[in-house]
Full PDB file with SEQRES, HELIX, SHEET, SSBOND, CRYST1, ORIGX, SCALE, CONECT and MASTER records, all heavy atoms in Angstrom:
SEQRES   1 A   41  ALA LEU ILE LEU PRO LYS THR ASP GLN ARG THR ALA THR          
SEQRES   2 A   41  ALA ILE GLY GLU ARG LEU ILE ARG THR VAL GLU SER SER          
SEQRES   3 A   41  PRO PHE GLU HIS ASP GLY LYS THR HIS TRP LEU THR ILE          
SEQRES   4 A   41  SER ILE                                                      
HELIX    1 AA1 GLN A    9  GLU A   24  1                                  16    
SHEET    1 AA1 2 PHE A  28  HIS A  30  0                                        
SHEET    2 AA1 2 LYS A  33  HIS A  35 -1                                        
CRYST1    1.000    1.000    1.000  90.00  90.00  90.00 P 1           1          
ORIGX1      1.000000  0.000000  0.000000        0.00000                         
ORIGX2      0.000000  1.000000  0.000000        0.00000                         
ORIGX3      0.000000  0.000000  1.000000        0.00000                         
SCALE1      1.000000  0.000000  0.000000        0.00000                         
SCALE2      0.000000  1.000000  0.000000        0.00000                         
SCALE3      0.000000  0.000000  1.000000        0.00000                         
ATOM      1  N   ALA A   1     -31.611  40.677  13.853  1.00  0.00           N  
ATOM      2  CA  ALA A   1     -31.110  40.511  15.217  1.00  0.00           C  
ATOM      3  C   ALA A   1     -30.241  39.260  15.262  1.00  0.00           C  
ATOM      4  O   ALA A   1     -30.494  38.285  14.536  1.00  0.00           O  
ATOM      5  CB  ALA A   1     -32.259  40.388  16.211  1.00  0.00           C  
ATOM      6  N   LEU A   2     -29.240  39.298  16.127  1.00  0.00           N  
ATOM      7  CA  LEU A   2     -28.338  38.159  16.278  1.00  0.00           C  
ATOM      8  C   LEU A   2     -28.122  37.913  17.769  1.00  0.00           C  
ATOM      9  O   LEU A   2     -27.637  38.795  18.490  1.00  0.00           O  
ATOM     10  CB  LEU A   2     -26.996  38.442  15.590  1.00  0.00           C  
ATOM     11  CG  LEU A   2     -25.903  37.390  15.747  1.00  0.00           C  
ATOM     12  CD1 LEU A   2     -26.349  36.050  15.187  1.00  0.00           C  
ATOM     13  CD2 LEU A   2     -24.607  37.856  15.084  1.00  0.00           C  
ATOM     14  N   ILE A   3     -28.520  36.736  18.236  1.00  0.00           N  
ATOM     15  CA  ILE A   3     -28.300  36.348  19.627  1.00  0.00           C  
ATOM     16  C   ILE A   3     -27.015  35.548  19.707  1.00  0.00           C  
ATOM     17  O   ILE A   3     -26.829  34.564  18.971  1.00  0.00           O  
ATOM     18  CB  ILE A   3     -29.476  35.508  20.160  1.00  0.00           C  
ATOM     19  CG1 ILE A   3     -30.771  36.327  20.151  1.00  0.00           C  
ATOM     20  CG2 ILE A   3     -29.187  35.019  21.577  1.00  0.00           C  
ATOM     21  CD1 ILE A   3     -31.995  35.534  20.605  1.00  0.00           C  
ATOM     22  N   LEU A   4     -26.115  35.984  20.602  1.00  0.00           N  
ATOM     23  CA  LEU A   4     -24.838  35.308  20.808  1.00  0.00           C  
ATOM     24  C   LEU A   4     -24.835  34.714  22.216  1.00  0.00           C  
ATOM     25  O   LEU A   4     -24.570  35.427  23.198  1.00  0.00           O  
ATOM     26  CB  LEU A   4     -23.679  36.295  20.648  1.00  0.00           C  
ATOM     27  CG  LEU A   4     -23.606  37.032  19.297  1.00  0.00           C  
ATOM     28  CD1 LEU A   4     -22.526  38.103  19.350  1.00  0.00           C  
ATOM     29  CD2 LEU A   4     -23.349  36.046  18.168  1.00  0.00           C  
ATOM     30  N   PRO A   5     -25.124  33.444  22.378  1.00  0.00           N  
ATOM     31  CA  PRO A   5     -25.185  32.839  23.720  1.00  0.00           C  
ATOM     32  C   PRO A   5     -23.796  32.710  24.334  1.00  0.00           C  
ATOM     33  O   PRO A   5     -22.791  32.549  23.640  1.00  0.00           O  
ATOM     34  CB  PRO A   5     -25.815  31.472  23.463  1.00  0.00           C  
ATOM     35  CG  PRO A   5     -25.489  31.171  22.047  1.00  0.00           C  
ATOM     36  CD  PRO A   5     -25.469  32.473  21.324  1.00  0.00           C  
ATOM     37  N   LYS A   6     -23.760  32.804  25.668  1.00  0.00           N  
ATOM     38  CA  LYS A   6     -22.509  32.653  26.431  1.00  0.00           C  
ATOM     39  C   LYS A   6     -21.395  33.554  25.886  1.00  0.00           C  
ATOM     40  O   LYS A   6     -20.241  33.137  25.736  1.00  0.00           O  
ATOM     41  CB  LYS A   6     -22.050  31.190  26.403  1.00  0.00           C  
ATOM     42  CG  LYS A   6     -23.045  30.214  27.002  1.00  0.00           C  
ATOM     43  CD  LYS A   6     -22.544  28.779  26.932  1.00  0.00           C  
ATOM     44  CE  LYS A   6     -23.571  27.814  27.492  1.00  0.00           C  
ATOM     45  NZ  LYS A   6     -23.125  26.402  27.413  1.00  0.00           N  
ATOM     46  N   THR A   7     -21.785  34.791  25.567  1.00  0.00           N  
ATOM     47  CA  THR A   7     -20.836  35.723  24.944  1.00  0.00           C  
ATOM     48  C   THR A   7     -20.849  37.047  25.696  1.00  0.00           C  
ATOM     49  O   THR A   7     -21.901  37.690  25.816  1.00  0.00           O  
ATOM     50  CB  THR A   7     -21.208  35.963  23.464  1.00  0.00           C  
ATOM     51  OG1 THR A   7     -21.296  34.710  22.779  1.00  0.00           O  
ATOM     52  CG2 THR A   7     -20.182  36.841  22.781  1.00  0.00           C  
ATOM     53  N   ASP A   8     -19.674  37.466  26.199  1.00  0.00           N  
ATOM     54  CA  ASP A   8     -19.595  38.731  26.928  1.00  0.00           C  
ATOM     55  C   ASP A   8     -19.418  39.890  25.954  1.00  0.00           C  
ATOM     56  O   ASP A   8     -19.328  39.708  24.738  1.00  0.00           O  
ATOM     57  CB  ASP A   8     -18.462  38.695  27.955  1.00  0.00           C  
ATOM     58  CG  ASP A   8     -17.099  38.404  27.322  1.00  0.00           C  
ATOM     59  OD1 ASP A   8     -16.948  38.606  26.093  1.00  0.00           O  
ATOM     60  OD2 ASP A   8     -16.190  37.966  28.051  1.00  0.00           O  
ATOM     61  N   GLN A   9     -19.327  41.111  26.518  1.00  0.00           N  
ATOM     62  CA  GLN A   9     -19.284  42.305  25.680  1.00  0.00           C  
ATOM     63  C   GLN A   9     -18.035  42.348  24.797  1.00  0.00           C  
ATOM     64  O   GLN A   9     -18.116  42.706  23.622  1.00  0.00           O  
ATOM     65  CB  GLN A   9     -19.345  43.559  26.558  1.00  0.00           C  
ATOM     66  CG  GLN A   9     -19.301  44.853  25.748  1.00  0.00           C  
ATOM     67  CD  GLN A   9     -19.468  46.077  26.615  1.00  0.00           C  
ATOM     68  OE1 GLN A   9     -20.133  46.026  27.635  1.00  0.00           O  
ATOM     69  NE2 GLN A   9     -18.855  47.190  26.218  1.00  0.00           N  
ATOM     70  N   ARG A  10     -16.908  41.979  25.345  1.00  0.00           N  
ATOM     71  CA  ARG A  10     -15.669  42.037  24.567  1.00  0.00           C  
ATOM     72  C   ARG A  10     -15.729  41.127  23.352  1.00  0.00           C  
ATOM     73  O   ARG A  10     -15.398  41.530  22.228  1.00  0.00           O  
ATOM     74  CB  ARG A  10     -14.497  41.657  25.469  1.00  0.00           C  
ATOM     75  CG  ARG A  10     -13.145  41.683  24.761  1.00  0.00           C  
ATOM     76  CD  ARG A  10     -12.049  41.302  25.726  1.00  0.00           C  
ATOM     77  NE  ARG A  10     -10.754  41.247  25.060  1.00  0.00           N  
ATOM     78  CZ  ARG A  10      -9.619  40.910  25.652  1.00  0.00           C  
ATOM     79  NH1 ARG A  10      -9.620  40.609  26.955  1.00  0.00           N  
ATOM     80  NH2 ARG A  10      -8.478  40.878  24.980  1.00  0.00           N  
ATOM     81  N   THR A  11     -16.165  39.887  23.573  1.00  0.00           N  
ATOM     82  CA  THR A  11     -16.249  38.931  22.461  1.00  0.00           C  
ATOM     83  C   THR A  11     -17.331  39.340  21.472  1.00  0.00           C  
ATOM     84  O   THR A  11     -17.133  39.244  20.245  1.00  0.00           O  
ATOM     85  CB  THR A  11     -16.537  37.511  22.993  1.00  0.00           C  
ATOM     86  OG1 THR A  11     -15.545  37.154  23.946  1.00  0.00           O  
ATOM     87  CG2 THR A  11     -16.558  36.507  21.863  1.00  0.00           C  
ATOM     88  N   ALA A  12     -18.467  39.804  21.972  1.00  0.00           N  
ATOM     89  CA  ALA A  12     -19.549  40.224  21.087  1.00  0.00           C  
ATOM     90  C   ALA A  12     -19.128  41.406  20.228  1.00  0.00           C  
ATOM     91  O   ALA A  12     -19.480  41.494  19.039  1.00  0.00           O  
ATOM     92  CB  ALA A  12     -20.790  40.575  21.912  1.00  0.00           C  
ATOM     93  N   THR A  13     -18.365  42.324  20.802  1.00  0.00           N  
ATOM     94  CA  THR A  13     -17.874  43.473  20.036  1.00  0.00           C  
ATOM     95  C   THR A  13     -16.954  43.011  18.916  1.00  0.00           C  
ATOM     96  O   THR A  13     -17.047  43.482  17.775  1.00  0.00           O  
ATOM     97  CB  THR A  13     -17.133  44.452  20.960  1.00  0.00           C  
ATOM     98  OG1 THR A  13     -18.035  44.918  21.979  1.00  0.00           O  
ATOM     99  CG2 THR A  13     -16.604  45.646  20.176  1.00  0.00           C  
ATOM    100  N   ALA A  14     -16.086  42.069  19.237  1.00  0.00           N  
ATOM    101  CA  ALA A  14     -15.169  41.545  18.215  1.00  0.00           C  
ATOM    102  C   ALA A  14     -15.942  40.842  17.098  1.00  0.00           C  
ATOM    103  O   ALA A  14     -15.627  40.998  15.912  1.00  0.00           O  
ATOM    104  CB  ALA A  14     -14.159  40.594  18.865  1.00  0.00           C  
ATOM    105  N   ILE A  15     -16.958  40.078  17.472  1.00  0.00           N  
ATOM    106  CA  ILE A  15     -17.772  39.386  16.456  1.00  0.00           C  
ATOM    107  C   ILE A  15     -18.498  40.405  15.588  1.00  0.00           C  
ATOM    108  O   ILE A  15     -18.527  40.302  14.350  1.00  0.00           O  
ATOM    109  CB  ILE A  15     -18.773  38.434  17.133  1.00  0.00           C  
ATOM    110  CG1 ILE A  15     -18.033  37.272  17.788  1.00  0.00           C  
ATOM    111  CG2 ILE A  15     -19.798  37.919  16.119  1.00  0.00           C  
ATOM    112  CD1 ILE A  15     -18.918  36.357  18.614  1.00  0.00           C  
ATOM    113  N   GLY A  16     -19.117  41.413  16.216  1.00  0.00           N  
ATOM    114  CA  GLY A  16     -19.848  42.416  15.462  1.00  0.00           C  
ATOM    115  C   GLY A  16     -18.961  43.174  14.501  1.00  0.00           C  
ATOM    116  O   GLY A  16     -19.335  43.408  13.338  1.00  0.00           O  
ATOM    117  N   GLU A  17     -17.765  43.571  14.927  1.00  0.00           N  
ATOM    118  CA  GLU A  17     -16.863  44.307  14.043  1.00  0.00           C  
ATOM    119  C   GLU A  17     -16.361  43.428  12.905  1.00  0.00           C  
ATOM    120  O   GLU A  17     -16.159  43.901  11.779  1.00  0.00           O  
ATOM    121  CB  GLU A  17     -15.698  44.856  14.873  1.00  0.00           C  
ATOM    122  CG  GLU A  17     -16.149  45.973  15.819  1.00  0.00           C  
ATOM    123  CD  GLU A  17     -15.027  46.490  16.703  1.00  0.00           C  
ATOM    124  OE1 GLU A  17     -13.980  45.785  16.790  1.00  0.00           O  
ATOM    125  OE2 GLU A  17     -15.187  47.562  17.312  1.00  0.00           O  
ATOM    126  N   ARG A  18     -16.171  42.128  13.191  1.00  0.00           N  
ATOM    127  CA  ARG A  18     -15.777  41.212  12.109  1.00  0.00           C  
ATOM    128  C   ARG A  18     -16.886  41.099  11.070  1.00  0.00           C  
ATOM    129  O   ARG A  18     -16.626  41.078   9.858  1.00  0.00           O  
ATOM    130  CB  ARG A  18     -15.451  39.835  12.683  1.00  0.00           C  
ATOM    131  CG  ARG A  18     -14.912  38.873  11.603  1.00  0.00           C  
ATOM    132  CD  ARG A  18     -14.594  37.506  12.155  1.00  0.00           C  
ATOM    133  NE  ARG A  18     -15.780  36.704  12.374  1.00  0.00           N  
ATOM    134  CZ  ARG A  18     -16.195  36.291  13.556  1.00  0.00           C  
ATOM    135  NH1 ARG A  18     -15.511  36.617  14.653  1.00  0.00           N  
ATOM    136  NH2 ARG A  18     -17.280  35.564  13.676  1.00  0.00           N  
ATOM    137  N   LEU A  19     -18.136  41.052  11.529  1.00  0.00           N  
ATOM    138  CA  LEU A  19     -19.256  40.985  10.590  1.00  0.00           C  
ATOM    139  C   LEU A  19     -19.320  42.243   9.742  1.00  0.00           C  
ATOM    140  O   LEU A  19     -19.605  42.172   8.528  1.00  0.00           O  
ATOM    141  CB  LEU A  19     -20.566  40.787  11.359  1.00  0.00           C  
ATOM    142  CG  LEU A  19     -20.725  39.473  12.127  1.00  0.00           C  
ATOM    143  CD1 LEU A  19     -22.054  39.450  12.868  1.00  0.00           C  
ATOM    144  CD2 LEU A  19     -20.606  38.272  11.195  1.00  0.00           C  
ATOM    145  N   ILE A  20     -19.091  43.405  10.339  1.00  0.00           N  
ATOM    146  CA  ILE A  20     -19.115  44.657   9.581  1.00  0.00           C  
ATOM    147  C   ILE A  20     -18.067  44.628   8.469  1.00  0.00           C  
ATOM    148  O   ILE A  20     -18.348  44.981   7.314  1.00  0.00           O  
ATOM    149  CB  ILE A  20     -18.894  45.855  10.526  1.00  0.00           C  
ATOM    150  CG1 ILE A  20     -20.127  46.045  11.422  1.00  0.00           C  
ATOM    151  CG2 ILE A  20     -18.591  47.129   9.738  1.00  0.00           C  
ATOM    152  CD1 ILE A  20     -19.949  47.081  12.508  1.00  0.00           C  
ATOM    153  N   ARG A  21     -16.865  44.198   8.818  1.00  0.00           N  
ATOM    154  CA  ARG A  21     -15.795  44.151   7.809  1.00  0.00           C  
ATOM    155  C   ARG A  21     -16.105  43.136   6.717  1.00  0.00           C  
ATOM    156  O   ARG A  21     -15.832  43.368   5.532  1.00  0.00           O  
ATOM    157  CB  ARG A  21     -14.469  43.813   8.496  1.00  0.00           C  
ATOM    158  CG  ARG A  21     -13.953  44.912   9.432  1.00  0.00           C  
ATOM    159  CD  ARG A  21     -12.505  44.648   9.823  1.00  0.00           C  
ATOM    160  NE  ARG A  21     -12.354  43.361  10.508  1.00  0.00           N  
ATOM    161  CZ  ARG A  21     -12.462  43.207  11.828  1.00  0.00           C  
ATOM    162  NH1 ARG A  21     -12.764  44.249  12.600  1.00  0.00           N  
ATOM    163  NH2 ARG A  21     -12.277  42.020  12.376  1.00  0.00           N  
ATOM    164  N   THR A  22     -16.665  41.986   7.116  1.00  0.00           N  
ATOM    165  CA  THR A  22     -16.962  40.941   6.126  1.00  0.00           C  
ATOM    166  C   THR A  22     -18.031  41.405   5.147  1.00  0.00           C  
ATOM    167  O   THR A  22     -17.911  41.214   3.928  1.00  0.00           O  
ATOM    168  CB  THR A  22     -17.427  39.656   6.839  1.00  0.00           C  
ATOM    169  OG1 THR A  22     -16.420  39.221   7.742  1.00  0.00           O  
ATOM    170  CG2 THR A  22     -17.713  38.561   5.825  1.00  0.00           C  
ATOM    171  N   VAL A  23     -19.095  42.021   5.653  1.00  0.00           N  
ATOM    172  CA  VAL A  23     -20.155  42.515   4.772  1.00  0.00           C  
ATOM    173  C   VAL A  23     -19.624  43.600   3.853  1.00  0.00           C  
ATOM    174  O   VAL A  23     -19.907  43.623   2.642  1.00  0.00           O  
ATOM    175  CB  VAL A  23     -21.346  43.044   5.611  1.00  0.00           C  
ATOM    176  CG1 VAL A  23     -22.364  43.744   4.710  1.00  0.00           C  
ATOM    177  CG2 VAL A  23     -22.000  41.918   6.383  1.00  0.00           C  
ATOM    178  N   GLU A  24     -18.808  44.497   4.385  1.00  0.00           N  
ATOM    179  CA  GLU A  24     -18.276  45.611   3.604  1.00  0.00           C  
ATOM    180  C   GLU A  24     -17.414  45.132   2.439  1.00  0.00           C  
ATOM    181  O   GLU A  24     -17.371  45.755   1.374  1.00  0.00           O  
ATOM    182  CB  GLU A  24     -17.455  46.513   4.530  1.00  0.00           C  
ATOM    183  CG  GLU A  24     -16.932  47.773   3.880  1.00  0.00           C  
ATOM    184  CD  GLU A  24     -16.120  48.613   4.855  1.00  0.00           C  
ATOM    185  OE1 GLU A  24     -15.602  48.035   5.838  1.00  0.00           O  
ATOM    186  OE2 GLU A  24     -16.013  49.833   4.630  1.00  0.00           O  
ATOM    187  N   SER A  25     -16.760  44.001   2.625  1.00  0.00           N  
ATOM    188  CA  SER A  25     -15.849  43.483   1.598  1.00  0.00           C  
ATOM    189  C   SER A  25     -16.475  42.380   0.745  1.00  0.00           C  
ATOM    190  O   SER A  25     -15.763  41.694   0.013  1.00  0.00           O  
ATOM    191  CB  SER A  25     -14.583  42.936   2.273  1.00  0.00           C  
ATOM    192  OG  SER A  25     -14.906  41.857   3.150  1.00  0.00           O  
ATOM    193  N   SER A  26     -17.810  42.220   0.822  1.00  0.00           N  
ATOM    194  CA  SER A  26     -18.485  41.136   0.084  1.00  0.00           C  
ATOM    195  C   SER A  26     -19.603  41.706  -0.784  1.00  0.00           C  
ATOM    196  O   SER A  26     -20.764  41.750  -0.375  1.00  0.00           O  
ATOM    197  CB  SER A  26     -19.049  40.100   1.057  1.00  0.00           C  
ATOM    198  OG  SER A  26     -18.052  39.591   1.907  1.00  0.00           O  
ATOM    199  N   PRO A  27     -19.289  42.171  -1.994  1.00  0.00           N  
ATOM    200  CA  PRO A  27     -20.335  42.706  -2.877  1.00  0.00           C  
ATOM    201  C   PRO A  27     -21.202  41.590  -3.447  1.00  0.00           C  
ATOM    202  O   PRO A  27     -20.866  40.408  -3.359  1.00  0.00           O  
ATOM    203  CB  PRO A  27     -19.533  43.395  -3.972  1.00  0.00           C  
ATOM    204  CG  PRO A  27     -18.261  42.595  -4.049  1.00  0.00           C  
ATOM    205  CD  PRO A  27     -17.956  42.187  -2.622  1.00  0.00           C  
ATOM    206  N   PHE A  28     -22.326  41.964  -4.031  1.00  0.00           N  
ATOM    207  CA  PHE A  28     -23.157  40.987  -4.732  1.00  0.00           C  
ATOM    208  C   PHE A  28     -23.529  41.525  -6.101  1.00  0.00           C  
ATOM    209  O   PHE A  28     -23.550  42.742  -6.330  1.00  0.00           O  
ATOM    210  CB  PHE A  28     -24.406  40.640  -3.913  1.00  0.00           C  
ATOM    211  CG  PHE A  28     -25.451  41.730  -3.853  1.00  0.00           C  
ATOM    212  CD1 PHE A  28     -26.533  41.748  -4.733  1.00  0.00           C  
ATOM    213  CD2 PHE A  28     -25.360  42.749  -2.912  1.00  0.00           C  
ATOM    214  CE1 PHE A  28     -27.495  42.732  -4.672  1.00  0.00           C  
ATOM    215  CE2 PHE A  28     -26.320  43.745  -2.840  1.00  0.00           C  
ATOM    216  CZ  PHE A  28     -27.404  43.740  -3.720  1.00  0.00           C  
ATOM    217  N   GLU A  29     -23.839  40.617  -7.015  1.00  0.00           N  
ATOM    218  CA  GLU A  29     -24.178  40.970  -8.394  1.00  0.00           C  
ATOM    219  C   GLU A  29     -25.675  40.798  -8.614  1.00  0.00           C  
ATOM    220  O   GLU A  29     -26.286  39.843  -8.141  1.00  0.00           O  
ATOM    221  CB  GLU A  29     -23.416  40.062  -9.377  1.00  0.00           C  
ATOM    222  CG  GLU A  29     -21.902  40.098  -9.237  1.00  0.00           C  
ATOM    223  CD  GLU A  29     -21.303  41.376  -9.804  1.00  0.00           C  
ATOM    224  OE1 GLU A  29     -21.952  41.986 -10.679  1.00  0.00           O  
ATOM    225  OE2 GLU A  29     -20.196  41.750  -9.370  1.00  0.00           O  
ATOM    226  N   HIS A  30     -26.259  41.740  -9.357  1.00  0.00           N  
ATOM    227  CA  HIS A  30     -27.660  41.602  -9.763  1.00  0.00           C  
ATOM    228  C   HIS A  30     -27.897  42.425 -11.017  1.00  0.00           C  
ATOM    229  O   HIS A  30     -27.545  43.615 -11.066  1.00  0.00           O  
ATOM    230  CB  HIS A  30     -28.616  42.048  -8.659  1.00  0.00           C  
ATOM    231  CG  HIS A  30     -30.047  41.719  -8.937  1.00  0.00           C  
ATOM    232  ND1 HIS A  30     -30.990  42.663  -9.250  1.00  0.00           N  
ATOM    233  CD2 HIS A  30     -30.689  40.526  -8.998  1.00  0.00           C  
ATOM    234  CE1 HIS A  30     -32.156  42.085  -9.461  1.00  0.00           C  
ATOM    235  NE2 HIS A  30     -31.991  40.783  -9.320  1.00  0.00           N  
ATOM    236  N   ASP A  31     -28.478  41.781 -12.028  1.00  0.00           N  
ATOM    237  CA  ASP A  31     -28.761  42.442 -13.313  1.00  0.00           C  
ATOM    238  C   ASP A  31     -27.516  43.094 -13.900  1.00  0.00           C  
ATOM    239  O   ASP A  31     -27.570  44.205 -14.454  1.00  0.00           O  
ATOM    240  CB  ASP A  31     -29.867  43.482 -13.154  1.00  0.00           C  
ATOM    241  CG  ASP A  31     -31.241  42.858 -13.007  1.00  0.00           C  
ATOM    242  OD1 ASP A  31     -31.374  41.661 -13.336  1.00  0.00           O  
ATOM    243  OD2 ASP A  31     -32.172  43.553 -12.563  1.00  0.00           O  
ATOM    244  N   GLY A  32     -26.380  42.403 -13.761  1.00  0.00           N  
ATOM    245  CA  GLY A  32     -25.154  42.900 -14.366  1.00  0.00           C  
ATOM    246  C   GLY A  32     -24.482  44.022 -13.613  1.00  0.00           C  
ATOM    247  O   GLY A  32     -23.493  44.590 -14.095  1.00  0.00           O  
ATOM    248  N   LYS A  33     -24.984  44.372 -12.444  1.00  0.00           N  
ATOM    249  CA  LYS A  33     -24.394  45.447 -11.658  1.00  0.00           C  
ATOM    250  C   LYS A  33     -23.833  44.885 -10.346  1.00  0.00           C  
ATOM    251  O   LYS A  33     -24.381  43.942  -9.787  1.00  0.00           O  
ATOM    252  CB  LYS A  33     -25.423  46.533 -11.350  1.00  0.00           C  
ATOM    253  CG  LYS A  33     -25.958  47.258 -12.578  1.00  0.00           C  
ATOM    254  CD  LYS A  33     -26.920  48.358 -12.158  1.00  0.00           C  
ATOM    255  CE  LYS A  33     -27.433  49.141 -13.349  1.00  0.00           C  
ATOM    256  NZ  LYS A  33     -28.197  48.316 -14.288  1.00  0.00           N  
ATOM    257  N   THR A  34     -22.767  45.507  -9.879  1.00  0.00           N  
ATOM    258  CA  THR A  34     -22.163  45.131  -8.609  1.00  0.00           C  
ATOM    259  C   THR A  34     -22.628  46.092  -7.530  1.00  0.00           C  
ATOM    260  O   THR A  34     -22.598  47.319  -7.708  1.00  0.00           O  
ATOM    261  CB  THR A  34     -20.625  45.175  -8.701  1.00  0.00           C  
ATOM    262  OG1 THR A  34     -20.189  44.289  -9.733  1.00  0.00           O  
ATOM    263  CG2 THR A  34     -19.995  44.753  -7.373  1.00  0.00           C  
ATOM    264  N   HIS A  35     -23.082  45.537  -6.420  1.00  0.00           N  
ATOM    265  CA  HIS A  35     -23.607  46.348  -5.323  1.00  0.00           C  
ATOM    266  C   HIS A  35     -22.819  46.036  -4.051  1.00  0.00           C  
ATOM    267  O   HIS A  35     -22.501  44.890  -3.760  1.00  0.00           O  
ATOM    268  CB  HIS A  35     -25.093  46.062  -5.093  1.00  0.00           C  
ATOM    269  CG  HIS A  35     -25.948  46.300  -6.297  1.00  0.00           C  
ATOM    270  ND1 HIS A  35     -26.465  47.524  -6.628  1.00  0.00           N  
ATOM    271  CD2 HIS A  35     -26.352  45.438  -7.265  1.00  0.00           C  
ATOM    272  CE1 HIS A  35     -27.174  47.422  -7.735  1.00  0.00           C  
ATOM    273  NE2 HIS A  35     -27.114  46.163  -8.151  1.00  0.00           N  
ATOM    274  N   TRP A  36     -22.550  47.123  -3.285  1.00  0.00           N  
ATOM    275  CA  TRP A  36     -21.822  46.998  -2.030  1.00  0.00           C  
ATOM    276  C   TRP A  36     -22.749  47.358  -0.886  1.00  0.00           C  
ATOM    277  O   TRP A  36     -23.503  48.330  -0.960  1.00  0.00           O  
ATOM    278  CB  TRP A  36     -20.599  47.916  -2.019  1.00  0.00           C  
ATOM    279  CG  TRP A  36     -19.642  47.609  -3.133  1.00  0.00           C  
ATOM    280  CD1 TRP A  36     -19.716  48.025  -4.426  1.00  0.00           C  
ATOM    281  CD2 TRP A  36     -18.474  46.819  -3.036  1.00  0.00           C  
ATOM    282  NE1 TRP A  36     -18.671  47.548  -5.174  1.00  0.00           N  
ATOM    283  CE2 TRP A  36     -17.878  46.792  -4.336  1.00  0.00           C  
ATOM    284  CE3 TRP A  36     -17.845  46.116  -2.002  1.00  0.00           C  
ATOM    285  CZ2 TRP A  36     -16.702  46.100  -4.603  1.00  0.00           C  
ATOM    286  CZ3 TRP A  36     -16.672  45.437  -2.263  1.00  0.00           C  
ATOM    287  CH2 TRP A  36     -16.100  45.422  -3.555  1.00  0.00           C  
ATOM    288  N   LEU A  37     -22.683  46.594   0.191  1.00  0.00           N  
ATOM    289  CA  LEU A  37     -23.515  46.841   1.360  1.00  0.00           C  
ATOM    290  C   LEU A  37     -22.646  47.131   2.569  1.00  0.00           C  
ATOM    291  O   LEU A  37     -21.520  46.629   2.674  1.00  0.00           O  
ATOM    292  CB  LEU A  37     -24.398  45.627   1.672  1.00  0.00           C  
ATOM    293  CG  LEU A  37     -25.384  45.151   0.604  1.00  0.00           C  
ATOM    294  CD1 LEU A  37     -26.092  43.886   1.085  1.00  0.00           C  
ATOM    295  CD2 LEU A  37     -26.395  46.233   0.275  1.00  0.00           C  
ATOM    296  N   THR A  38     -23.190  47.924   3.467  1.00  0.00           N  
ATOM    297  CA  THR A  38     -22.609  48.067   4.800  1.00  0.00           C  
ATOM    298  C   THR A  38     -23.734  47.950   5.827  1.00  0.00           C  
ATOM    299  O   THR A  38     -24.905  48.165   5.502  1.00  0.00           O  
ATOM    300  CB  THR A  38     -21.893  49.420   4.974  1.00  0.00           C  
ATOM    301  OG1 THR A  38     -22.852  50.484   4.817  1.00  0.00           O  
ATOM    302  CG2 THR A  38     -20.767  49.581   3.970  1.00  0.00           C  
ATOM    303  N   ILE A  39     -23.373  47.620   7.051  1.00  0.00           N  
ATOM    304  CA  ILE A  39     -24.371  47.477   8.111  1.00  0.00           C  
ATOM    305  C   ILE A  39     -23.940  48.275   9.332  1.00  0.00           C  
ATOM    306  O   ILE A  39     -22.744  48.507   9.555  1.00  0.00           O  
ATOM    307  CB  ILE A  39     -24.590  46.001   8.507  1.00  0.00           C  
ATOM    308  CG1 ILE A  39     -23.286  45.357   8.999  1.00  0.00           C  
ATOM    309  CG2 ILE A  39     -25.204  45.221   7.352  1.00  0.00           C  
ATOM    310  CD1 ILE A  39     -23.457  43.936   9.530  1.00  0.00           C  
ATOM    311  N   SER A  40     -24.941  48.699  10.099  1.00  0.00           N  
ATOM    312  CA  SER A  40     -24.707  49.331  11.400  1.00  0.00           C  
ATOM    313  C   SER A  40     -25.262  48.414  12.481  1.00  0.00           C  
ATOM    314  O   SER A  40     -26.329  47.807  12.302  1.00  0.00           O  
ATOM    315  CB  SER A  40     -25.391  50.697  11.465  1.00  0.00           C  
ATOM    316  OG  SER A  40     -24.865  51.567  10.484  1.00  0.00           O  
ATOM    317  N   ILE A  41     -24.536  48.328  13.606  1.00  0.00           N  
ATOM    318  CA  ILE A  41     -24.888  47.355  14.644  1.00  0.00           C  
ATOM    319  C   ILE A  41     -25.005  48.051  15.997  1.00  0.00           C  
ATOM    320  O   ILE A  41     -24.169  48.890  16.357  1.00  0.00           O  
ATOM    321  CB  ILE A  41     -23.833  46.237  14.742  1.00  0.00           C  
ATOM    322  CG1 ILE A  41     -23.733  45.458  13.427  1.00  0.00           C  
ATOM    323  CG2 ILE A  41     -24.165  45.275  15.890  1.00  0.00           C  
ATOM    324  CD1 ILE A  41     -22.678  44.364  13.437  1.00  0.00           C  
TER     325      ILE A  41                                                      
MASTER        0    0    0    1    2    0    0    6  324    1    0    4          
END                                                                             
């Protein structure tokens, strides 16, 4: 969960979509393998 204080729907939507794009484009490595994650909000 993420609480965004003093944030209306328009700004919160923009923040949430930016987080989705950032996670989607940020893989991580473990045991020599590359893994990609996505999130739903």
